Amino acid sequence: MTAAVFGHDGPWTEEEYLALGGTSQRVELFDGSLHVTPAPTPRHQNISGELRAALRLPARAVGLHVLEAVNVRLRPGRIPIPDLVITGPIDFDELNVEARDVRLVCEIISPSNAATDKVLKMHYYAAAGIEWYLLIEQENGTLHLHRRHHSHYKEQSVTKPGQVLELIEPVRATIRPEDLVP
C-alpha cells in the first residue's frame, strides 16, 4: 500500500480509496485526503471489545447490530472507520455502512489523535445525521455521551469511574467505565 499512497497524485476518489483494501493501519477518507493512523493499542481494543460485549444483547433485543471498525459512508468521499457503531438492518456484504443506518457511533479517544475524534469526526458525524455520539477516554473509561441537536452535538452526560451510564437510546444498556478498561 505504501507505494500506492506515495505514488498517488491529487485527491483520492472513493473508488481509489476502497481499492486500497485491508491494511495494518486504519486508513480513512476525508474529502479526497487519506487519514492514516497505526493499528489500535491493546488497551484501545480491550475497551472496544468490552463495550461491544455490553451492547450486543441489548442491540439484538431490538433488532440492531453492534459492529467494530467498519467503513461508514457519511457522504460520497467521506468514509471514517469508527471504533464501534450500532446500526439498523444493513447488507453485511457491502464495503460501507451508510450513515443513515447508524444509530450510535463511538470513538475511543487516542491521546495522539484526540482532536480528530473531538472536533473533526464529531462535526462530520453530526452533519451526516447520526443521532448519538459516544466518546470514551482510554485512561480511565470516562464516557461522554452526545446527542445531535440540529447540525451539531450537545453533551448529554459524562460518566466517570464509579458511576453508571444508563443508555435508553438507541438501546437500553448499563455501562460502567471501570468494566471497559483493563
Protein backbone atom coordinates (compact mmCIF):
# COMPACT_ATOMS: atom_id res chain seq x y z
CA MET A 1 0.00 0.00 0.00
CA THR A 2 2.84 2.44 0.72
CA ALA A 3 3.82 2.72 -2.94
CA ALA A 4 0.18 3.23 -3.92
CA VAL A 5 -0.25 6.04 -1.38
CA PHE A 6 3.02 7.88 -2.10
CA GLY A 7 2.73 7.42 -5.85
CA HIS A 8 -0.75 8.94 -5.97
CA ASP A 9 -1.32 12.43 -7.40
CA GLY A 10 -4.22 14.67 -6.46
CA PRO A 11 -7.29 14.00 -4.33
CA TRP A 12 -8.38 10.41 -3.66
CA THR A 13 -11.69 9.22 -5.03
CA GLU A 14 -13.87 6.83 -3.09
CA GLU A 15 -13.17 4.12 -5.66
CA GLU A 16 -9.38 4.56 -5.31
CA TYR A 17 -9.69 4.52 -1.52
CA LEU A 18 -11.72 1.31 -1.50
CA ALA A 19 -9.26 -0.31 -3.94
CA LEU A 20 -6.51 0.00 -1.28
CA GLY A 21 -8.08 -2.97 0.52
CA GLY A 22 -7.20 -4.04 4.06
CA THR A 23 -4.10 -2.70 5.80
CA SER A 24 -2.49 -2.94 9.24
CA GLN A 25 -3.13 0.79 9.61
CA ARG A 26 -6.50 2.44 9.87
CA VAL A 27 -6.98 4.44 6.65
CA GLU A 28 -9.93 6.82 6.44
CA LEU A 29 -11.07 9.06 3.58
CA PHE A 30 -11.95 12.69 4.26
CA ASP A 31 -12.89 14.75 1.21
CA GLY A 32 -10.12 13.48 -1.06
CA SER A 33 -7.44 13.10 1.65
CA LEU A 34 -6.36 9.95 3.44
CA HIS A 35 -6.09 9.96 7.22
CA VAL A 36 -3.76 7.15 8.32
CA THR A 37 -3.26 6.01 11.91
CA PRO A 38 -1.44 2.99 13.33
CA ALA A 39 -3.39 -0.05 14.43
CA PRO A 40 -5.07 0.48 17.83
CA THR A 41 -3.28 -0.40 21.05
CA PRO A 42 -4.32 -3.45 23.10
CA ARG A 43 -5.90 -1.06 25.68
CA HIS A 44 -7.98 0.56 22.94
CA GLN A 45 -9.09 -2.82 21.60
CA ASN A 46 -9.96 -4.10 25.08
CA ILE A 47 -12.25 -1.10 25.64
CA SER A 48 -13.87 -1.63 22.24
CA GLY A 49 -14.40 -5.35 22.86
CA GLU A 50 -15.87 -4.84 26.33
CA LEU A 51 -18.22 -2.15 25.06
CA ARG A 52 -19.35 -4.38 22.19
CA ALA A 53 -20.00 -7.20 24.66
CA ALA A 54 -22.08 -4.86 26.86
CA LEU A 55 -24.16 -3.67 23.90
CA ARG A 56 -24.55 -6.88 21.88
CA LEU A 57 -27.55 -8.46 23.64
CA PRO A 58 -29.48 -5.19 24.18
CA ALA A 59 -28.98 -4.36 20.49
CA ARG A 60 -30.13 -7.79 19.33
CA ALA A 61 -33.21 -7.49 21.53
CA VAL A 62 -34.40 -4.51 19.47
CA GLY A 63 -33.21 -5.73 16.06
CA LEU A 64 -29.99 -3.70 15.91
CA HIS A 65 -26.34 -4.70 15.33
CA VAL A 66 -23.08 -3.73 17.07
CA LEU A 67 -20.03 -3.60 14.79
CA GLU A 68 -16.40 -2.67 15.35
CA ALA A 69 -14.13 -0.79 12.93
CA VAL A 70 -16.28 -0.71 9.79
CA ASN A 71 -16.30 1.82 6.97
CA VAL A 72 -19.13 4.30 7.43
CA ARG A 73 -20.00 6.41 4.39
CA LEU A 74 -21.09 9.76 5.74
CA ARG A 75 -21.43 11.10 2.21
CA PRO A 76 -19.61 10.36 -1.06
CA GLY A 77 -15.87 10.75 -0.47
CA ARG A 78 -16.12 10.86 3.34
CA ILE A 79 -15.55 7.45 4.95
CA PRO A 80 -14.26 7.22 8.52
CA ILE A 81 -13.75 3.97 10.41
CA PRO A 82 -15.36 4.49 13.82
CA ASP A 83 -14.31 2.25 16.69
CA LEU A 84 -17.86 0.95 17.15
CA VAL A 85 -21.31 1.55 15.68
CA ILE A 86 -24.84 0.44 16.42
CA THR A 87 -26.79 0.02 13.20
CA GLY A 88 -30.20 -0.91 11.99
CA PRO A 89 -30.62 -3.55 9.28
CA ILE A 90 -27.70 -3.47 6.82
CA ASP A 91 -26.22 -5.54 4.00
CA PHE A 92 -23.36 -7.39 5.69
CA ASP A 93 -21.59 -7.94 2.36
CA GLU A 94 -21.27 -4.25 1.42
CA LEU A 95 -17.92 -2.48 1.91
CA ASN A 96 -19.58 0.51 3.60
CA VAL A 97 -22.28 1.05 6.18
CA GLU A 98 -24.35 4.08 5.22
CA ALA A 99 -24.66 6.88 7.80
CA ARG A 100 -28.47 6.70 7.59
CA ASP A 101 -28.26 3.18 9.08
CA VAL A 102 -26.08 4.18 12.06
CA ARG A 103 -27.93 4.86 15.32
CA LEU A 104 -24.87 5.42 17.55
CA VAL A 105 -21.22 5.95 16.71
CA CYS A 106 -18.41 5.52 19.25
CA GLU A 107 -14.81 6.68 19.21
CA ILE A 108 -12.24 5.70 21.82
CA ILE A 109 -10.05 8.76 22.19
CA SER A 110 -6.42 8.11 21.35
CA PRO A 111 -4.11 10.61 23.06
CA SER A 112 -2.21 11.21 19.81
CA ASN A 113 -5.43 11.73 17.83
CA ALA A 114 -7.84 13.41 20.27
CA ALA A 115 -8.59 16.43 18.09
CA THR A 116 -9.77 14.23 15.23
CA ASP A 117 -12.32 12.48 17.48
CA LYS A 118 -13.40 15.57 19.47
CA VAL A 119 -13.62 18.04 16.60
CA LEU A 120 -13.38 16.70 13.05
CA LYS A 121 -15.28 13.44 13.40
CA MET A 122 -17.78 14.97 15.82
CA HIS A 123 -18.65 17.60 13.19
CA TYR A 124 -18.79 15.06 10.35
CA TYR A 125 -20.97 12.57 12.26
CA ALA A 126 -23.44 15.28 13.26
CA ALA A 127 -23.59 16.66 9.71
CA ALA A 128 -24.35 13.13 8.46
CA GLY A 129 -27.34 12.92 10.82
CA ILE A 130 -26.07 10.27 13.26
CA GLU A 131 -28.15 10.81 16.40
CA TRP A 132 -25.81 9.58 19.15
CA TYR A 133 -22.04 10.01 19.60
CA LEU A 134 -20.17 8.30 22.44
CA LEU A 135 -16.59 9.30 23.23
CA ILE A 136 -14.53 7.17 25.62
CA GLU A 137 -11.32 8.25 27.36
CA GLN A 138 -8.74 5.45 27.23
CA GLU A 139 -7.01 6.26 30.51
CA ASN A 140 -9.99 5.68 32.79
CA GLY A 141 -13.01 4.81 30.65
CA THR A 142 -14.88 8.09 31.22
CA LEU A 143 -17.88 8.15 28.86
CA HIS A 144 -19.04 11.33 27.11
CA LEU A 145 -22.47 10.81 25.56
CA HIS A 146 -23.61 13.37 22.96
CA ARG A 147 -26.92 13.74 21.15
CA ARG A 148 -27.39 15.52 17.87
CA HIS A 149 -29.12 18.88 18.11
CA HIS A 150 -29.71 20.32 14.64
CA SER A 151 -26.31 20.18 12.91
CA HIS A 152 -24.11 19.63 15.98
CA TYR A 153 -23.89 17.54 19.15
CA LYS A 154 -24.77 18.55 22.70
CA GLU A 155 -23.22 16.62 25.56
CA GLN A 156 -25.95 14.69 27.39
CA SER A 157 -23.85 13.13 30.14
CA VAL A 158 -20.36 12.45 31.46
CA THR A 159 -19.95 9.14 33.27
CA LYS A 160 -16.76 8.71 35.31
CA PRO A 161 -15.40 5.58 37.01
CA GLY A 162 -17.66 4.67 39.93
CA GLN A 163 -20.72 5.99 38.08
CA VAL A 164 -23.11 4.24 35.71
CA LEU A 165 -24.31 5.24 32.25
CA GLU A 166 -27.89 4.10 31.73
CA LEU A 167 -28.39 4.20 27.97
CA ILE A 168 -32.02 4.31 26.92
CA GLU A 169 -31.49 5.06 23.22
CA PRO A 170 -30.79 3.54 20.75
CA VAL A 171 -30.63 0.55 23.11
CA ARG A 172 -31.20 0.02 26.82
CA ALA A 173 -27.88 -0.81 28.42
CA THR A 174 -25.94 -0.20 31.61
CA ILE A 175 -22.27 0.70 31.14
CA ARG A 176 -19.70 1.14 33.89
CA PRO A 177 -16.40 2.80 32.87
CA GLU A 178 -14.35 0.51 35.10
CA ASP A 179 -15.75 -2.53 33.25
CA LEU A 180 -14.25 -1.24 29.99
CA VAL A 181 -10.63 -0.57 30.96
CA PRO A 182 -8.09 -3.33 31.57
